[in-house]
Amino acid sequence: MIEIDGSQKSGSGTILRLSVALAAILRQSLHIYNIRQNRPQPGLRPQHLEAVLTAAKLCNAELEGAKLNSRELWFKPKDVKGGKFEAEIGTAGSIPMLLMTILPICAFAKNTVHLRISKGGTDVWHSPTINYVRNVFLPTLKRMGLNADLSVHKYGYYPKGMGEVTITVEPSKSLQPLLLENFGEIKAIKGVSVCTFLAERKVAERQAKAANSYLREKGYMADIQIINDRSNPLQKGSSLVLCAETDSGAILGADAIGELRKSSEAVGREAAEKLYAEISAKPTVDVHLADMLIPYVALAEGRSAYLTRLISDHLETNIWLAEKILDARFDVKKVDGLYKIEKVS
């Protein structure tokens, strides 16, 4: 049985999500305790609970301790067969973070997985936006041989959520290594600026204009798609994702979300400042993608390597977990002002 102390490293939900995913892939029982010990509200929150329940559906797992606020969980998986599944968060809890739990499992399913996730947040605090997942994360996974198609039916924001997406994931016979060791030259900067029931205030347009204004000052220009969305009358909101594509195959992303008393111009500038921080450092993955890729490169055969500008708590945590559960070995070293993340065995 895999034993994990959830208070280690970041002490966050990432330990729960990744531990459950890897246990399902390995078909090994998991006991995790001190779940989210270092967070203001420890234990399983609604989005964490739904992630566990959805993972259990995918591999027909037996569960103990799967209830709200639980700090201890037993997860006993069986085969990952594929098929059609439903998940419902019921709050503004992050849909992208639920996807982080189930995507690695889907890669090792026997058949295609079709999953509908409803009543959650697509664009919320402390989480990548859904368009970051669609435009940065999934295209990078495609390089590794994992094909997933994500559709947004309703955008969802804090505090009501009510977002809805579907994802279809084709199993991968074997994940390919990821080698991104050179930044290269930027060939395009793209973006998606979305607002829901805020078209009359031109929120999406203003976010995009502010982002481009900042980028122009730095010598860049972005092609930003404007989406005046009307999918969710129960919850207004907005977000912006920007991504820089290089001729070496790297995709670096940055996003920002709208909030009460936060101007559209502030949202646009925030995303642009984040992207400029990335592209001026010339890594091959951004600081968030760096930790999200760890389980996939750990599971892939052979050597993988990429460059990031920072070592985040989540990156340290994911490397620790991958080495502990999968017996993978990573080497992290400073190279020309960046950090080279190398999976060596």
Protein backbone atom coordinates (compact mmCIF):
# COMPACT_ATOMS: atom_id res chain seq x y z
CA MET A 1 0.00 0.00 0.00
CA ILE A 2 1.19 3.52 -0.83
CA GLU A 3 1.37 5.64 2.34
CA ILE A 4 1.40 9.43 1.91
CA ASP A 5 1.52 12.13 4.56
CA GLY A 6 -0.43 15.05 3.10
CA SER A 7 1.26 17.56 5.40
CA GLN A 8 4.61 17.13 3.66
CA LYS A 9 6.08 19.72 1.25
CA SER A 10 3.33 22.16 0.16
CA GLY A 11 0.71 20.38 2.30
CA SER A 12 -1.82 21.25 -0.41
CA GLY A 13 -4.44 19.58 -2.59
CA THR A 14 -1.83 18.78 -5.22
CA ILE A 15 -0.57 15.94 -2.98
CA LEU A 16 -4.05 14.43 -2.86
CA ARG A 17 -4.71 14.82 -6.59
CA LEU A 18 -1.42 13.38 -7.76
CA SER A 19 -1.34 10.56 -5.20
CA VAL A 20 -4.81 9.38 -6.25
CA ALA A 21 -3.92 9.59 -9.95
CA LEU A 22 -0.68 7.61 -9.60
CA ALA A 23 -2.28 5.00 -7.35
CA ALA A 24 -5.01 4.46 -9.97
CA ILE A 25 -2.44 4.08 -12.76
CA LEU A 26 -0.34 1.64 -10.72
CA ARG A 27 -3.45 -0.21 -9.45
CA GLN A 28 -2.04 0.06 -5.94
CA SER A 29 -4.00 0.87 -2.80
CA LEU A 30 -3.38 4.31 -1.32
CA HIS A 31 -3.65 5.57 2.26
CA ILE A 32 -3.27 9.34 2.53
CA TYR A 33 -3.59 11.24 5.81
CA ASN A 34 -3.22 14.85 6.99
CA ILE A 35 -4.96 15.86 3.75
CA ARG A 36 -4.41 19.57 2.93
CA GLN A 37 -2.97 19.97 6.41
CA ASN A 38 -1.32 23.31 5.65
CA ARG A 39 -4.41 25.01 4.23
CA PRO A 40 -6.78 27.38 6.12
CA GLN A 41 -9.59 24.81 5.75
CA PRO A 42 -7.85 21.42 5.93
CA GLY A 43 -9.37 18.21 4.60
CA LEU A 44 -11.49 17.50 1.54
CA ARG A 45 -13.33 20.51 0.14
CA PRO A 46 -16.11 19.92 -2.42
CA GLN A 47 -13.79 20.12 -5.45
CA HIS A 48 -11.27 17.72 -3.88
CA LEU A 49 -13.99 15.28 -2.91
CA GLU A 50 -15.48 15.31 -6.40
CA ALA A 51 -12.01 14.76 -7.89
CA VAL A 52 -11.56 11.68 -5.68
CA LEU A 53 -15.05 10.37 -6.49
CA THR A 54 -14.50 10.87 -10.24
CA ALA A 55 -11.11 9.13 -10.11
CA ALA A 56 -12.80 6.27 -8.26
CA LYS A 57 -15.41 5.96 -11.02
CA LEU A 58 -12.68 5.76 -13.66
CA CYS A 59 -10.99 2.78 -11.97
CA ASN A 60 -13.91 1.29 -10.01
CA ALA A 61 -12.04 1.99 -6.77
CA GLU A 62 -13.19 1.19 -3.25
CA LEU A 63 -13.17 4.25 -0.97
CA GLU A 64 -13.05 4.91 2.74
CA GLY A 65 -13.04 8.38 4.24
CA ALA A 66 -14.40 10.06 1.10
CA LYS A 67 -16.52 12.77 2.73
CA LEU A 68 -16.37 16.55 3.14
CA ASN A 69 -13.63 17.79 5.49
CA SER A 70 -12.10 14.31 5.82
CA ARG A 71 -8.35 14.41 6.45
CA GLU A 72 -7.77 10.72 5.79
CA LEU A 73 -8.59 8.58 2.75
CA TRP A 74 -8.20 4.99 1.59
CA PHE A 75 -8.34 4.49 -2.18
CA LYS A 76 -8.28 0.92 -3.60
CA PRO A 77 -8.30 1.02 -7.43
CA LYS A 78 -9.03 -1.65 -10.03
CA ASP A 79 -8.65 -1.51 -13.84
CA VAL A 80 -9.11 1.78 -15.69
CA LYS A 81 -11.59 0.77 -18.37
CA GLY A 82 -12.84 4.01 -19.93
CA GLY A 83 -16.38 4.93 -20.99
CA LYS A 84 -18.74 7.81 -20.22
CA PHE A 85 -18.69 9.54 -16.84
CA GLU A 86 -20.28 12.52 -15.07
CA ALA A 87 -18.90 14.77 -12.33
CA GLU A 88 -20.66 17.58 -10.48
CA ILE A 89 -18.71 19.89 -8.17
CA GLY A 90 -21.66 21.93 -6.89
CA THR A 91 -19.63 25.04 -5.97
CA ALA A 92 -17.21 27.39 -7.76
CA GLY A 93 -14.52 24.76 -7.10
CA SER A 94 -12.02 24.51 -9.93
CA ILE A 95 -12.87 22.34 -12.93
CA PRO A 96 -9.27 22.60 -14.22
CA MET A 97 -7.95 21.19 -10.94
CA LEU A 98 -10.37 18.25 -11.19
CA LEU A 99 -9.00 17.69 -14.70
CA MET A 100 -5.46 17.58 -13.24
CA THR A 101 -6.55 14.58 -11.17
CA ILE A 102 -8.23 12.54 -13.85
CA LEU A 103 -6.17 13.29 -16.98
CA PRO A 104 -3.18 11.06 -16.08
CA ILE A 105 -5.59 8.24 -15.25
CA CYS A 106 -7.39 8.61 -18.58
CA ALA A 107 -4.08 8.28 -20.42
CA PHE A 108 -3.84 4.70 -19.14
CA ALA A 109 -7.47 3.66 -19.69
CA LYS A 110 -8.27 0.65 -21.87
CA ASN A 111 -10.81 2.66 -23.87
CA THR A 112 -11.65 6.28 -24.66
CA VAL A 113 -12.89 8.36 -21.70
CA HIS A 114 -15.76 10.84 -22.13
CA LEU A 115 -16.26 13.01 -19.05
CA ARG A 116 -18.79 15.79 -18.42
CA ILE A 117 -18.03 18.09 -15.47
CA SER A 118 -20.80 20.44 -14.36
CA LYS A 119 -21.59 23.04 -11.68
CA GLY A 120 -18.00 24.15 -11.12
CA GLY A 121 -15.63 27.02 -11.78
CA THR A 122 -13.84 27.26 -15.11
CA ASP A 123 -11.98 30.46 -14.21
CA VAL A 124 -11.34 30.87 -10.48
CA TRP A 125 -8.58 31.90 -8.07
CA HIS A 126 -5.57 29.67 -7.37
CA SER A 127 -6.14 27.60 -10.50
CA PRO A 128 -5.31 27.74 -14.21
CA THR A 129 -8.17 29.05 -16.33
CA ILE A 130 -9.96 26.63 -18.62
CA ASN A 131 -8.51 28.38 -21.67
CA TYR A 132 -5.00 27.95 -20.24
CA VAL A 133 -5.72 24.22 -20.06
CA ARG A 134 -7.04 24.22 -23.61
CA ASN A 135 -4.35 26.41 -25.20
CA VAL A 136 -1.18 25.63 -23.23
CA PHE A 137 -1.45 22.42 -21.20
CA LEU A 138 -3.24 20.08 -23.62
CA PRO A 139 -1.16 21.06 -26.69
CA THR A 140 2.00 20.30 -24.68
CA LEU A 141 0.60 16.91 -23.64
CA LYS A 142 -0.18 16.23 -27.30
CA ARG A 143 3.57 16.40 -27.96
CA MET A 144 3.86 13.51 -25.52
CA GLY A 145 1.25 11.42 -27.30
CA LEU A 146 -1.81 12.22 -25.16
CA ASN A 147 -4.75 13.47 -27.21
CA ALA A 148 -7.60 15.21 -25.39
CA ASP A 149 -10.43 17.34 -26.75
CA LEU A 150 -11.90 19.89 -24.33
CA SER A 151 -15.15 21.80 -24.92
CA VAL A 152 -16.51 24.62 -22.74
CA HIS A 153 -20.32 24.69 -22.58
CA LYS A 154 -20.67 27.18 -19.72
CA TYR A 155 -18.06 29.43 -18.17
CA GLY A 156 -18.18 29.49 -14.38
CA TYR A 157 -16.76 32.05 -11.94
CA TYR A 158 -16.65 32.71 -8.21
CA PRO A 159 -18.87 32.58 -6.16
CA LYS A 160 -21.63 30.61 -7.92
CA GLY A 161 -19.62 28.58 -10.42
CA MET A 162 -22.19 26.75 -12.59
CA GLY A 163 -19.59 26.14 -15.32
CA GLU A 164 -19.69 23.05 -17.51
CA VAL A 165 -17.16 21.33 -19.75
CA THR A 166 -16.75 18.01 -21.51
CA ILE A 167 -13.46 16.29 -22.23
CA THR A 168 -12.70 13.29 -24.42
CA VAL A 169 -9.37 11.57 -23.81
CA GLU A 170 -7.84 8.93 -26.05
CA PRO A 171 -5.69 6.38 -24.19
CA SER A 172 -1.96 6.62 -24.84
CA LYS A 173 -0.19 3.33 -25.53
CA SER A 174 2.95 4.92 -24.12
CA LEU A 175 3.73 8.50 -23.19
CA GLN A 176 6.63 9.97 -25.15
CA PRO A 177 9.45 11.88 -23.45
CA LEU A 178 9.34 15.69 -23.54
CA LEU A 179 12.53 17.39 -24.64
CA LEU A 180 12.32 21.19 -24.59
CA GLU A 181 15.84 22.43 -23.96
CA ASN A 182 15.98 25.52 -26.21
CA PHE A 183 13.69 28.55 -26.11
CA GLY A 184 14.27 29.46 -29.76
CA GLU A 185 12.49 32.49 -31.23
CA ILE A 186 8.92 33.61 -30.62
CA LYS A 187 6.83 32.95 -33.71
CA ALA A 188 3.41 34.01 -32.38
CA ILE A 189 1.65 35.38 -29.32
CA LYS A 190 -2.02 34.49 -29.11
CA GLY A 191 -4.77 34.89 -26.58
CA VAL A 192 -8.40 34.39 -25.62
CA SER A 193 -10.28 37.18 -23.84
CA VAL A 194 -13.69 36.08 -22.60
CA CYS A 195 -16.45 37.79 -20.67
CA THR A 196 -19.82 36.34 -19.67
CA PHE A 197 -22.85 38.66 -19.80
CA LEU A 198 -20.56 41.72 -19.77
CA ALA A 199 -20.55 42.52 -23.49
CA GLU A 200 -22.29 45.87 -23.00
CA ARG A 201 -19.27 47.04 -20.96
CA LYS A 202 -16.87 45.73 -23.63
CA VAL A 203 -14.99 43.81 -20.95
CA ALA A 204 -13.37 41.23 -23.27
CA GLU A 205 -12.30 43.95 -25.70
CA ARG A 206 -10.86 46.15 -22.94
CA GLN A 207 -8.90 43.25 -21.42
CA ALA A 208 -7.40 42.46 -24.83
CA LYS A 209 -6.62 46.11 -25.59
CA ALA A 210 -4.82 46.61 -22.27
CA ALA A 211 -2.79 43.43 -22.75
CA ASN A 212 -1.72 44.47 -26.23
CA SER A 213 -0.90 47.97 -25.07
CA TYR A 214 1.54 46.58 -22.50
CA LEU A 215 3.04 44.04 -24.90
CA ARG A 216 3.55 46.70 -27.59
CA GLU A 217 5.65 48.69 -25.10
CA LYS A 218 7.88 45.61 -24.85
CA GLY A 219 8.06 45.08 -28.61
CA TYR A 220 5.42 42.36 -29.01
CA MET A 221 1.91 42.06 -30.41
CA ALA A 222 -0.72 39.43 -29.61
CA ASP A 223 -3.57 38.10 -31.72
CA ILE A 224 -6.31 37.89 -29.09
CA GLN A 225 -9.66 36.21 -29.76
CA ILE A 226 -12.63 38.08 -28.26
CA ILE A 227 -15.47 35.98 -26.81
CA ASN A 228 -18.60 37.77 -25.62
CA ASP A 229 -20.10 34.74 -23.91
CA ARG A 230 -23.76 34.27 -22.90
CA SER A 231 -23.55 30.68 -21.67
CA ASN A 232 -24.16 31.27 -17.95
CA PRO A 233 -26.79 33.85 -16.94
CA LEU A 234 -26.32 32.98 -13.26
CA GLN A 235 -22.73 34.19 -13.00
CA LYS A 236 -21.02 37.10 -14.73
CA GLY A 237 -17.25 37.08 -15.03
CA SER A 238 -14.21 37.32 -17.26
CA SER A 239 -10.74 35.97 -17.94
CA LEU A 240 -7.81 36.36 -20.29
CA VAL A 241 -5.15 33.85 -21.32
CA LEU A 242 -2.08 34.69 -23.38
CA CYS A 243 0.35 32.20 -24.85
CA ALA A 244 3.66 32.61 -26.66
CA GLU A 245 4.66 29.92 -29.15
CA THR A 246 8.30 29.52 -30.17
CA ASP A 247 9.92 27.84 -33.17
CA SER A 248 11.39 25.18 -30.84
CA GLY A 249 7.88 23.99 -29.93
CA ALA A 250 7.61 25.67 -26.54
CA ILE A 251 4.29 27.19 -25.42
CA LEU A 252 4.43 29.60 -22.48
CA GLY A 253 1.17 30.77 -20.97
CA ALA A 254 -0.14 33.37 -18.54
CA ASP A 255 -3.66 34.20 -17.43
CA ALA A 256 -5.71 36.52 -15.23
CA ILE A 257 -9.34 36.59 -14.08
CA GLY A 258 -11.79 39.41 -13.48
CA GLU A 259 -12.96 40.23 -9.97
CA LEU A 260 -15.28 42.75 -8.34
CA ARG A 261 -13.67 46.19 -8.25
CA LYS A 262 -10.87 45.01 -10.57
CA SER A 263 -10.90 46.85 -13.89
CA SER A 264 -10.77 45.10 -17.24
CA GLU A 265 -7.60 47.05 -17.93
CA ALA A 266 -6.01 45.61 -14.77
CA VAL A 267 -6.91 42.08 -15.88
CA GLY A 268 -5.33 42.64 -19.29
CA ARG A 269 -2.18 44.20 -17.90
CA GLU A 270 -1.80 41.46 -15.27
CA ALA A 271 -1.85 38.68 -17.88
CA ALA A 272 0.54 40.60 -20.12
CA GLU A 273 2.99 41.30 -17.28
CA LYS A 274 2.99 37.61 -16.36
CA LEU A 275 3.64 36.57 -19.95
CA TYR A 276 6.42 39.11 -20.36
CA ALA A 277 8.08 37.82 -17.18
CA GLU A 278 8.16 34.39 -18.84
CA ILE A 279 9.31 35.31 -22.34
CA SER A 280 11.98 37.73 -21.11
CA ALA A 281 13.53 34.90 -19.04
CA LYS A 282 13.38 32.53 -22.06
CA PRO A 283 12.43 29.24 -20.37
CA THR A 284 10.71 26.46 -22.34
CA VAL A 285 7.73 26.07 -19.98
CA ASP A 286 6.08 28.63 -17.71
CA VAL A 287 6.12 28.32 -13.93
CA HIS A 288 2.71 26.61 -13.76
CA LEU A 289 3.23 24.19 -16.63
CA ALA A 290 6.51 23.14 -15.00
CA ASP A 291 4.74 21.41 -12.10
CA MET A 292 1.75 20.18 -14.13
CA LEU A 293 4.02 18.18 -16.46
CA ILE A 294 5.84 16.23 -13.73
CA PRO A 295 3.53 13.16 -13.56
CA TYR A 296 3.57 12.78 -17.34
CA VAL A 297 7.34 12.96 -17.76
CA ALA A 298 7.71 10.65 -14.75
CA LEU A 299 5.46 8.08 -16.46
CA ALA A 300 7.05 8.47 -19.90
CA GLU A 301 9.81 6.11 -20.97
CA GLY A 302 13.25 7.68 -21.24
CA ARG A 303 14.77 11.07 -20.52
CA SER A 304 12.74 14.29 -20.48
CA ALA A 305 14.05 17.80 -19.88
CA TYR A 306 12.74 21.37 -19.85
CA LEU A 307 13.62 24.79 -18.47
CA THR A 308 11.65 26.95 -16.04
CA ARG A 309 12.44 30.27 -14.38
CA LEU A 310 11.27 29.36 -10.85
CA ILE A 311 11.01 26.37 -8.56
CA SER A 312 7.52 26.58 -7.06
CA ASP A 313 6.19 24.71 -4.03
CA HIS A 314 3.98 22.67 -6.35
CA LEU A 315 6.94 21.72 -8.55
CA GLU A 316 8.97 20.56 -5.55
CA THR A 317 5.96 18.64 -4.24
CA ASN A 318 5.21 16.90 -7.54
CA ILE A 319 8.84 15.84 -8.00
CA TRP A 320 8.89 14.48 -4.44
CA LEU A 321 5.71 12.49 -5.03
CA ALA A 322 6.79 11.14 -8.43
CA GLU A 323 10.08 9.96 -6.96
CA LYS A 324 8.36 8.44 -3.92
CA ILE A 325 5.51 6.64 -5.71
CA LEU A 326 6.99 5.86 -9.14
CA ASP A 327 10.67 5.49 -8.22
CA ALA A 328 11.44 8.02 -10.95
CA ARG A 329 14.56 10.14 -10.54
CA PHE A 330 14.78 13.84 -11.30
CA ASP A 331 17.76 16.15 -11.50
CA VAL A 332 17.20 19.88 -10.92
CA LYS A 333 20.04 22.29 -11.60
CA LYS A 334 20.62 25.96 -12.42
CA VAL A 335 21.57 26.63 -16.05
CA ASP A 336 22.17 30.20 -17.27
CA GLY A 337 19.74 31.72 -14.79
CA LEU A 338 17.03 29.11 -15.38
CA TYR A 339 16.24 25.80 -13.72
CA LYS A 340 16.65 22.65 -15.79
CA ILE A 341 14.16 19.95 -14.78
CA GLU A 342 15.45 16.61 -16.03
CA LYS A 343 13.87 13.22 -15.55
CA VAL A 344 16.86 10.92 -15.76
CA SER A 345 15.38 7.50 -14.95
